[in-house]
Amino acid sequence: MKAMFRALLLLTAIFGAGMARAEFTARPMTAISLDTVLADAQRLAEARPGAQVLRIEGKSMLPFFGEGSVVVVKKIDPVKLRAGMVVVYTNRFGETVAHRLVAAGQGGWVAQGYNNEQADSTLVNSENLIGVVYATFHSNGCSNLLAAVASIPAALAAPAR
């Protein structure tokens, strides 16, 4: 019995150590359609001056948001940025990216996706900052209005570039 307990304890320790570096792959999901989520997000954005709605593409920000999620982004004074905030910005490749600020750097903020091993190569600053993620909506990813969904700009939650 003691030997079995030790073996179980050892397996738990090994499994737990492996999980410490695990990548999250399951995206947050609800039974709510993407159409409903977009409408709700749009109503919220309309009530907040300077806010906009973006679809999320990618999995670097899981388990917080991923494919099928929608975010409301609100403009913010770059002076108010702090480590831990999730922001949307334009990287040096012209892509719109949604990642978390990890540290202040020389000339801007270092951003990184939760599931990315490396930080992004573009610093977030007053010139490329679109805003801070104000609200996140999760959906089942299904839509009856694909043309309408395609018209909503996307932010990447993707590997660092």
N, C-alpha and C. Protein backbone atom coordinates (compact mmCIF):
# COMPACT_ATOMS: atom_id res chain seq x y z
N MET A 1 0.82 -1.19 0.00
CA MET A 1 0.00 0.00 0.00
C MET A 1 0.87 1.26 0.00
N LYS A 2 1.95 1.22 0.82
CA LYS A 2 2.85 2.35 0.91
C LYS A 2 3.55 2.58 -0.43
N ALA A 3 3.97 1.49 -1.08
CA ALA A 3 4.65 1.58 -2.37
C ALA A 3 3.72 2.16 -3.43
N MET A 4 2.45 1.76 -3.41
CA MET A 4 1.48 2.28 -4.36
C MET A 4 1.26 3.78 -4.14
N PHE A 5 1.20 4.19 -2.88
CA PHE A 5 1.03 5.60 -2.55
C PHE A 5 2.22 6.41 -3.07
N ARG A 6 3.46 5.88 -2.88
CA ARG A 6 4.65 6.58 -3.36
C ARG A 6 4.64 6.69 -4.88
N ALA A 7 4.25 5.62 -5.55
CA ALA A 7 4.19 5.64 -7.02
C ALA A 7 3.18 6.67 -7.50
N LEU A 8 2.03 6.72 -6.83
CA LEU A 8 1.00 7.70 -7.18
C LEU A 8 1.50 9.12 -6.94
N LEU A 9 2.19 9.32 -5.84
CA LEU A 9 2.76 10.63 -5.51
C LEU A 9 3.79 11.04 -6.55
N LEU A 10 4.64 10.09 -6.97
CA LEU A 10 5.66 10.36 -7.98
C LEU A 10 5.01 10.72 -9.32
N LEU A 11 4.01 9.97 -9.73
CA LEU A 11 3.30 10.27 -10.98
C LEU A 11 2.64 11.64 -10.93
N THR A 12 2.06 11.98 -9.79
CA THR A 12 1.43 13.29 -9.63
C THR A 12 2.47 14.40 -9.76
N ALA A 13 3.63 14.22 -9.16
CA ALA A 13 4.70 15.21 -9.24
C ALA A 13 5.20 15.37 -10.67
N ILE A 14 5.38 14.26 -11.37
CA ILE A 14 5.85 14.31 -12.76
C ILE A 14 4.81 14.99 -13.64
N PHE A 15 3.55 14.59 -13.49
CA PHE A 15 2.48 15.18 -14.29
C PHE A 15 2.35 16.67 -13.99
N GLY A 16 2.43 17.04 -12.72
CA GLY A 16 2.32 18.45 -12.32
C GLY A 16 3.44 19.28 -12.88
N ALA A 17 4.65 18.75 -12.90
CA ALA A 17 5.79 19.49 -13.46
C ALA A 17 5.60 19.71 -14.95
N GLY A 18 5.07 18.72 -15.64
CA GLY A 18 4.80 18.87 -17.06
C GLY A 18 3.72 19.90 -17.33
N MET A 19 2.75 19.98 -16.47
CA MET A 19 1.66 20.94 -16.65
C MET A 19 2.11 22.37 -16.43
N ALA A 20 3.18 22.58 -15.68
CA ALA A 20 3.65 23.94 -15.41
C ALA A 20 4.04 24.64 -16.70
N ARG A 21 4.46 23.90 -17.73
CA ARG A 21 4.86 24.49 -18.99
C ARG A 21 3.84 24.20 -20.09
N ALA A 22 2.70 23.68 -19.72
CA ALA A 22 1.69 23.30 -20.70
C ALA A 22 1.12 24.53 -21.40
N GLU A 23 0.78 24.34 -22.65
CA GLU A 23 0.12 25.39 -23.41
C GLU A 23 -1.38 25.15 -23.33
N PHE A 24 -2.13 26.21 -23.09
CA PHE A 24 -3.58 26.08 -23.06
C PHE A 24 -4.07 26.03 -24.49
N THR A 25 -4.90 25.04 -24.80
CA THR A 25 -5.42 24.92 -26.15
C THR A 25 -6.94 25.00 -26.21
N ALA A 26 -7.60 24.79 -25.09
CA ALA A 26 -9.07 24.85 -25.08
C ALA A 26 -9.49 26.31 -24.97
N ARG A 27 -10.33 26.74 -25.90
CA ARG A 27 -10.76 28.13 -25.86
C ARG A 27 -12.01 28.26 -25.01
N PRO A 28 -12.18 29.42 -24.37
CA PRO A 28 -13.40 29.63 -23.59
C PRO A 28 -14.60 29.58 -24.54
N MET A 29 -15.66 28.94 -24.12
CA MET A 29 -16.80 28.78 -25.00
C MET A 29 -18.09 28.85 -24.21
N THR A 30 -19.11 29.33 -24.85
CA THR A 30 -20.45 29.34 -24.28
C THR A 30 -21.41 28.85 -25.36
N ALA A 31 -22.66 28.76 -25.03
CA ALA A 31 -23.67 28.37 -26.01
C ALA A 31 -24.14 29.58 -26.82
N ILE A 32 -23.63 30.75 -26.52
CA ILE A 32 -24.08 31.98 -27.17
C ILE A 32 -23.43 32.10 -28.55
N SER A 33 -24.24 32.43 -29.55
CA SER A 33 -23.73 32.53 -30.92
C SER A 33 -22.83 33.75 -31.07
N LEU A 34 -21.97 33.69 -32.06
CA LEU A 34 -21.09 34.80 -32.37
C LEU A 34 -21.89 36.04 -32.74
N ASP A 35 -23.02 35.85 -33.43
CA ASP A 35 -23.87 36.98 -33.80
C ASP A 35 -24.38 37.73 -32.57
N THR A 36 -24.85 37.00 -31.57
CA THR A 36 -25.35 37.61 -30.33
C THR A 36 -24.23 38.32 -29.59
N VAL A 37 -23.08 37.67 -29.50
CA VAL A 37 -21.92 38.25 -28.82
C VAL A 37 -21.50 39.55 -29.50
N LEU A 38 -21.45 39.55 -30.83
CA LEU A 38 -21.08 40.77 -31.56
C LEU A 38 -22.07 41.90 -31.30
N ALA A 39 -23.36 41.57 -31.28
CA ALA A 39 -24.38 42.60 -31.02
C ALA A 39 -24.23 43.16 -29.61
N ASP A 40 -23.99 42.30 -28.63
CA ASP A 40 -23.80 42.76 -27.25
C ASP A 40 -22.55 43.63 -27.13
N ALA A 41 -21.47 43.19 -27.75
CA ALA A 41 -20.22 43.95 -27.70
C ALA A 41 -20.38 45.31 -28.38
N GLN A 42 -21.11 45.33 -29.49
CA GLN A 42 -21.34 46.58 -30.22
C GLN A 42 -22.13 47.56 -29.36
N ARG A 43 -23.15 47.07 -28.65
CA ARG A 43 -23.93 47.95 -27.76
C ARG A 43 -23.05 48.54 -26.67
N LEU A 44 -22.18 47.73 -26.10
CA LEU A 44 -21.28 48.22 -25.06
C LEU A 44 -20.32 49.27 -25.63
N ALA A 45 -19.76 49.00 -26.80
CA ALA A 45 -18.82 49.93 -27.42
C ALA A 45 -19.49 51.26 -27.75
N GLU A 46 -20.73 51.21 -28.20
CA GLU A 46 -21.45 52.45 -28.53
C GLU A 46 -21.68 53.32 -27.30
N ALA A 47 -21.74 52.71 -26.12
CA ALA A 47 -21.96 53.45 -24.88
C ALA A 47 -20.66 54.02 -24.31
N ARG A 48 -19.53 53.67 -24.90
CA ARG A 48 -18.22 54.12 -24.41
C ARG A 48 -17.52 54.90 -25.51
N PRO A 49 -17.37 56.21 -25.37
CA PRO A 49 -16.69 57.00 -26.40
C PRO A 49 -15.29 56.46 -26.70
N GLY A 50 -14.99 56.32 -27.98
CA GLY A 50 -13.68 55.85 -28.40
C GLY A 50 -13.48 54.34 -28.34
N ALA A 51 -14.52 53.59 -27.99
CA ALA A 51 -14.39 52.13 -27.90
C ALA A 51 -14.68 51.50 -29.26
N GLN A 52 -14.09 50.34 -29.50
CA GLN A 52 -14.35 49.61 -30.74
C GLN A 52 -14.38 48.11 -30.46
N VAL A 53 -15.00 47.38 -31.37
CA VAL A 53 -15.16 45.93 -31.25
C VAL A 53 -14.19 45.25 -32.20
N LEU A 54 -13.51 44.21 -31.69
CA LEU A 54 -12.60 43.41 -32.51
C LEU A 54 -12.84 41.93 -32.28
N ARG A 55 -12.76 41.14 -33.35
CA ARG A 55 -12.78 39.68 -33.24
C ARG A 55 -11.37 39.22 -32.89
N ILE A 56 -11.27 38.08 -32.22
CA ILE A 56 -9.95 37.53 -31.89
C ILE A 56 -9.66 36.34 -32.79
N GLU A 57 -8.44 36.30 -33.31
CA GLU A 57 -7.96 35.16 -34.09
C GLU A 57 -6.66 34.68 -33.44
N GLY A 58 -6.59 33.41 -33.10
CA GLY A 58 -5.38 32.85 -32.52
C GLY A 58 -5.61 32.31 -31.12
N LYS A 59 -4.53 31.74 -30.54
CA LYS A 59 -4.67 31.09 -29.24
C LYS A 59 -3.62 31.51 -28.22
N SER A 60 -2.83 32.52 -28.51
CA SER A 60 -1.75 32.89 -27.59
C SER A 60 -2.26 33.49 -26.28
N MET A 61 -3.52 33.89 -26.23
CA MET A 61 -4.07 34.49 -25.00
C MET A 61 -5.00 33.54 -24.25
N LEU A 62 -5.03 32.27 -24.66
CA LEU A 62 -5.82 31.29 -23.91
C LEU A 62 -5.22 31.11 -22.52
N PRO A 63 -5.98 30.88 -21.52
CA PRO A 63 -7.40 30.56 -21.50
C PRO A 63 -8.31 31.79 -21.39
N PHE A 64 -7.75 32.98 -21.51
CA PHE A 64 -8.55 34.19 -21.31
C PHE A 64 -9.41 34.53 -22.52
N PHE A 65 -8.85 34.45 -23.71
CA PHE A 65 -9.65 34.57 -24.93
C PHE A 65 -8.89 33.96 -26.09
N GLY A 66 -9.67 33.57 -27.12
CA GLY A 66 -9.09 32.95 -28.30
C GLY A 66 -10.08 33.02 -29.45
N GLU A 67 -9.91 32.15 -30.45
CA GLU A 67 -10.80 32.11 -31.61
C GLU A 67 -12.26 32.15 -31.17
N GLY A 68 -13.05 32.98 -31.80
CA GLY A 68 -14.46 33.06 -31.46
C GLY A 68 -14.77 34.07 -30.38
N SER A 69 -13.73 34.59 -29.73
CA SER A 69 -13.96 35.63 -28.71
C SER A 69 -14.04 36.99 -29.39
N VAL A 70 -14.68 37.91 -28.71
CA VAL A 70 -14.82 39.28 -29.18
C VAL A 70 -14.41 40.18 -28.03
N VAL A 71 -13.63 41.22 -28.33
CA VAL A 71 -13.22 42.16 -27.29
C VAL A 71 -13.70 43.56 -27.62
N VAL A 72 -13.95 44.32 -26.56
CA VAL A 72 -14.22 45.75 -26.70
C VAL A 72 -12.95 46.44 -26.24
N VAL A 73 -12.41 47.27 -27.10
CA VAL A 73 -11.16 47.96 -26.83
C VAL A 73 -11.45 49.44 -26.64
N LYS A 74 -10.90 49.99 -25.57
CA LYS A 74 -11.14 51.39 -25.24
C LYS A 74 -9.81 52.15 -25.28
N LYS A 75 -9.84 53.34 -25.87
CA LYS A 75 -8.64 54.16 -25.91
C LYS A 75 -8.21 54.49 -24.49
N ILE A 76 -6.91 54.60 -24.29
CA ILE A 76 -6.35 54.91 -22.98
C ILE A 76 -5.12 55.78 -23.17
N ASP A 77 -4.90 56.66 -22.25
CA ASP A 77 -3.69 57.48 -22.26
C ASP A 77 -2.51 56.54 -21.99
N PRO A 78 -1.52 56.50 -22.88
CA PRO A 78 -0.39 55.58 -22.69
C PRO A 78 0.32 55.74 -21.35
N VAL A 79 0.23 56.89 -20.74
CA VAL A 79 0.84 57.12 -19.43
C VAL A 79 0.20 56.23 -18.37
N LYS A 80 -1.04 55.82 -18.59
CA LYS A 80 -1.77 54.99 -17.62
C LYS A 80 -1.52 53.50 -17.79
N LEU A 81 -0.72 53.10 -18.77
CA LEU A 81 -0.44 51.68 -18.98
C LEU A 81 0.33 51.11 -17.81
N ARG A 82 0.02 49.86 -17.48
CA ARG A 82 0.67 49.14 -16.38
C ARG A 82 0.88 47.68 -16.79
N ALA A 83 1.90 47.06 -16.21
CA ALA A 83 2.15 45.65 -16.46
C ALA A 83 0.91 44.85 -16.07
N GLY A 84 0.56 43.87 -16.89
CA GLY A 84 -0.61 43.04 -16.64
C GLY A 84 -1.82 43.44 -17.46
N MET A 85 -1.85 44.68 -17.96
CA MET A 85 -2.97 45.11 -18.80
C MET A 85 -2.91 44.38 -20.14
N VAL A 86 -4.07 44.06 -20.68
CA VAL A 86 -4.14 43.47 -22.01
C VAL A 86 -4.48 44.60 -22.97
N VAL A 87 -3.62 44.78 -23.96
CA VAL A 87 -3.77 45.89 -24.90
C VAL A 87 -3.87 45.37 -26.32
N VAL A 88 -4.34 46.24 -27.20
CA VAL A 88 -4.35 45.97 -28.63
C VAL A 88 -3.47 47.04 -29.27
N TYR A 89 -2.58 46.61 -30.13
CA TYR A 89 -1.66 47.55 -30.78
C TYR A 89 -1.32 47.04 -32.18
N THR A 90 -0.68 47.89 -32.97
CA THR A 90 -0.24 47.52 -34.31
C THR A 90 1.25 47.22 -34.26
N ASN A 91 1.63 46.00 -34.65
CA ASN A 91 3.05 45.65 -34.60
C ASN A 91 3.78 46.17 -35.84
N ARG A 92 5.08 45.94 -35.90
CA ARG A 92 5.89 46.48 -37.00
C ARG A 92 5.58 45.85 -38.35
N PHE A 93 4.80 44.78 -38.36
CA PHE A 93 4.38 44.14 -39.60
C PHE A 93 3.02 44.65 -40.07
N GLY A 94 2.44 45.59 -39.31
CA GLY A 94 1.13 46.13 -39.65
C GLY A 94 -0.03 45.29 -39.16
N GLU A 95 0.25 44.29 -38.32
CA GLU A 95 -0.80 43.42 -37.78
C GLU A 95 -1.36 44.01 -36.49
N THR A 96 -2.65 43.83 -36.29
CA THR A 96 -3.28 44.23 -35.04
C THR A 96 -3.15 43.06 -34.08
N VAL A 97 -2.58 43.31 -32.89
CA VAL A 97 -2.26 42.25 -31.93
C VAL A 97 -2.89 42.56 -30.58
N ALA A 98 -3.42 41.54 -29.92
CA ALA A 98 -3.96 41.66 -28.56
C ALA A 98 -3.09 40.81 -27.64
N HIS A 99 -2.27 41.45 -26.81
CA HIS A 99 -1.38 40.76 -25.88
C HIS A 99 -1.29 41.52 -24.56
N ARG A 100 -0.70 40.88 -23.58
CA ARG A 100 -0.56 41.43 -22.23
C ARG A 100 0.77 42.17 -22.10
N LEU A 101 0.74 43.30 -21.40
CA LEU A 101 1.97 44.04 -21.12
C LEU A 101 2.71 43.33 -19.99
N VAL A 102 4.00 43.08 -20.20
CA VAL A 102 4.77 42.37 -19.18
C VAL A 102 5.80 43.25 -18.49
N ALA A 103 6.31 44.27 -19.16
CA ALA A 103 7.31 45.14 -18.53
C ALA A 103 7.48 46.42 -19.34
N ALA A 104 7.84 47.47 -18.63
CA ALA A 104 8.17 48.73 -19.31
C ALA A 104 9.57 48.58 -19.88
N GLY A 105 9.76 49.04 -21.11
CA GLY A 105 11.07 48.98 -21.74
C GLY A 105 11.49 50.36 -22.19
N GLN A 106 12.68 50.46 -22.74
CA GLN A 106 13.18 51.72 -23.27
C GLN A 106 12.37 52.06 -24.52
N GLY A 107 11.54 53.07 -24.46
CA GLY A 107 10.76 53.48 -25.62
C GLY A 107 9.39 52.83 -25.73
N GLY A 108 8.96 52.11 -24.71
CA GLY A 108 7.63 51.51 -24.76
C GLY A 108 7.49 50.33 -23.82
N TRP A 109 6.42 49.59 -24.04
CA TRP A 109 6.10 48.43 -23.20
C TRP A 109 6.36 47.14 -23.96
N VAL A 110 6.87 46.14 -23.26
CA VAL A 110 7.06 44.81 -23.81
C VAL A 110 5.74 44.06 -23.65
N ALA A 111 5.26 43.46 -24.74
CA ALA A 111 4.00 42.70 -24.72
C ALA A 111 4.30 41.24 -25.04
N GLN A 112 3.42 40.37 -24.54
CA GLN A 112 3.61 38.93 -24.78
C GLN A 112 2.29 38.21 -24.59
N GLY A 113 2.02 37.23 -25.44
CA GLY A 113 0.85 36.38 -25.27
C GLY A 113 1.08 35.42 -24.12
N TYR A 114 0.03 35.05 -23.41
CA TYR A 114 0.15 34.12 -22.28
C TYR A 114 0.80 32.81 -22.69
N ASN A 115 0.53 32.32 -23.89
CA ASN A 115 1.07 31.04 -24.34
C ASN A 115 2.31 31.17 -25.21
N ASN A 116 2.85 32.36 -25.32
CA ASN A 116 4.06 32.56 -26.11
C ASN A 116 5.29 32.50 -25.21
N GLU A 117 6.30 31.77 -25.65
CA GLU A 117 7.53 31.69 -24.86
C GLU A 117 8.37 32.95 -25.00
N GLN A 118 8.19 33.69 -26.08
CA GLN A 118 8.96 34.91 -26.30
C GLN A 118 8.04 36.12 -26.33
N ALA A 119 8.61 37.25 -25.95
CA ALA A 119 7.88 38.51 -26.01
C ALA A 119 7.80 38.97 -27.47
N ASP A 120 6.86 39.85 -27.74
CA ASP A 120 6.71 40.41 -29.08
C ASP A 120 7.93 41.28 -29.40
N SER A 121 8.27 41.39 -30.67
CA SER A 121 9.45 42.18 -31.08
C SER A 121 9.14 43.67 -31.19
N THR A 122 7.87 44.03 -31.19
CA THR A 122 7.47 45.43 -31.28
C THR A 122 7.09 45.94 -29.90
N LEU A 123 7.68 47.06 -29.49
CA LEU A 123 7.29 47.68 -28.22
C LEU A 123 5.97 48.42 -28.41
N VAL A 124 5.13 48.40 -27.39
CA VAL A 124 3.86 49.13 -27.42
C VAL A 124 4.14 50.54 -26.93
N ASN A 125 3.74 51.53 -27.74
CA ASN A 125 3.95 52.92 -27.35
C ASN A 125 2.77 53.78 -27.80
N SER A 126 2.88 55.07 -27.59
CA SER A 126 1.76 55.97 -27.90
C SER A 126 1.42 55.98 -29.39
N GLU A 127 2.37 55.63 -30.24
CA GLU A 127 2.13 55.68 -31.68
C GLU A 127 1.44 54.45 -32.24
N ASN A 128 1.60 53.29 -31.58
CA ASN A 128 0.98 52.08 -32.13
C ASN A 128 -0.11 51.50 -31.23
N LEU A 129 -0.34 52.12 -30.08
CA LEU A 129 -1.37 51.64 -29.15
C LEU A 129 -2.76 51.95 -29.70
N ILE A 130 -3.60 50.94 -29.80
CA ILE A 130 -4.99 51.13 -30.19
C ILE A 130 -5.84 51.32 -28.95
N GLY A 131 -5.59 50.53 -27.93
CA GLY A 131 -6.33 50.68 -26.67
C GLY A 131 -6.14 49.49 -25.76
N VAL A 132 -6.85 49.54 -24.65
CA VAL A 132 -6.81 48.48 -23.65
C VAL A 132 -8.08 47.64 -23.79
N VAL A 133 -7.97 46.33 -23.56
CA VAL A 133 -9.16 45.47 -23.62
C VAL A 133 -10.02 45.80 -22.41
N TYR A 134 -11.21 46.30 -22.70
CA TYR A 134 -12.15 46.77 -21.70
C TYR A 134 -13.12 45.67 -21.30
N ALA A 135 -13.49 44.82 -22.27
CA ALA A 135 -14.42 43.72 -22.02
C ALA A 135 -14.14 42.59 -23.00
N THR A 136 -14.39 41.38 -22.56
CA THR A 136 -14.22 40.20 -23.39
C THR A 136 -15.52 39.41 -23.42
N PHE A 137 -15.93 39.00 -24.61
CA PHE A 137 -17.14 38.20 -24.79
C PHE A 137 -16.74 36.89 -25.45
N HIS A 138 -17.25 35.78 -24.92
CA HIS A 138 -16.96 34.47 -25.50
C HIS A 138 -18.20 33.97 -26.23
N SER A 139 -17.98 33.22 -27.31
CA SER A 139 -19.10 32.69 -28.10
C SER A 139 -18.82 31.24 -28.46
N ASN A 140 -19.80 30.64 -29.12
CA ASN A 140 -19.61 29.28 -29.62
C ASN A 140 -18.92 29.29 -30.98
N GLY A 141 -18.64 30.47 -31.51
CA GLY A 141 -17.94 30.60 -32.78
C GLY A 141 -18.82 30.44 -34.00
N CYS A 142 -20.12 30.14 -33.81
CA CYS A 142 -21.03 29.92 -34.94
C CYS A 142 -21.78 31.20 -35.29
N SER A 143 -21.93 31.43 -36.58
CA SER A 143 -22.62 32.63 -37.04
C SER A 143 -23.49 32.32 -38.25
N ASN A 144 -24.65 32.96 -38.31
CA ASN A 144 -25.51 32.88 -39.48
C ASN A 144 -25.25 34.06 -40.42
N LEU A 145 -24.45 35.00 -39.96
CA LEU A 145 -24.18 36.23 -40.71
C LEU A 145 -22.69 36.35 -41.01
N LEU A 146 -22.15 35.40 -41.76
CA LEU A 146 -20.71 35.37 -41.99
C LEU A 146 -20.17 36.64 -42.62
N ALA A 147 -20.92 37.26 -43.51
CA ALA A 147 -20.46 38.51 -44.12
C ALA A 147 -20.34 39.61 -43.07
N ALA A 148 -21.29 39.67 -42.16
CA ALA A 148 -21.24 40.69 -41.10
C ALA A 148 -20.07 40.43 -40.17
N VAL A 149 -19.82 39.18 -39.85
CA VAL A 149 -18.70 38.83 -38.97
C VAL A 149 -17.38 39.19 -39.65
N ALA A 150 -17.26 38.91 -40.93
CA ALA A 150 -16.03 39.20 -41.66
C ALA A 150 -15.75 40.69 -41.71
N SER A 151 -16.77 41.52 -41.58
CA SER A 151 -16.57 42.97 -41.63
C SER A 151 -16.03 43.53 -40.31
N ILE A 152 -16.05 42.74 -39.24
CA ILE A 152 -15.52 43.18 -37.95
C ILE A 152 -14.01 42.98 -37.97
N PRO A 153 -13.23 44.02 -37.73
CA PRO A 153 -11.77 43.86 -37.74
C PRO A 153 -11.32 42.81 -36.72
N ALA A 154 -10.20 42.17 -37.01
CA ALA A 154 -9.67 41.13 -36.12
C ALA A 154 -8.38 41.59 -35.46
N ALA A 155 -8.18 41.12 -34.24
CA ALA A 155 -6.91 41.30 -33.53
C ALA A 155 -6.32 39.91 -33.34
N LEU A 156 -5.03 39.79 -33.57
CA LEU A 156 -4.36 38.50 -33.45
C LEU A 156 -3.93 38.23 -32.02
N ALA A 157 -4.22 37.04 -31.57
CA ALA A 157 -3.67 36.51 -30.33
C ALA A 157 -2.81 35.35 -30.82
N ALA A 158 -1.62 35.68 -31.30
CA ALA A 158 -0.82 34.75 -32.07
C ALA A 158 0.62 34.70 -31.56
N PRO A 159 1.42 33.79 -32.10
CA PRO A 159 2.83 33.73 -31.69
C PRO A 159 3.54 35.06 -31.91
N ALA A 160 4.55 35.31 -31.10
CA ALA A 160 5.30 36.55 -31.17
C ALA A 160 6.00 36.68 -32.52
N ARG A 161 6.03 37.93 -33.02
CA ARG A 161 6.77 38.24 -34.25
C ARG A 161 7.56 39.49 -34.03
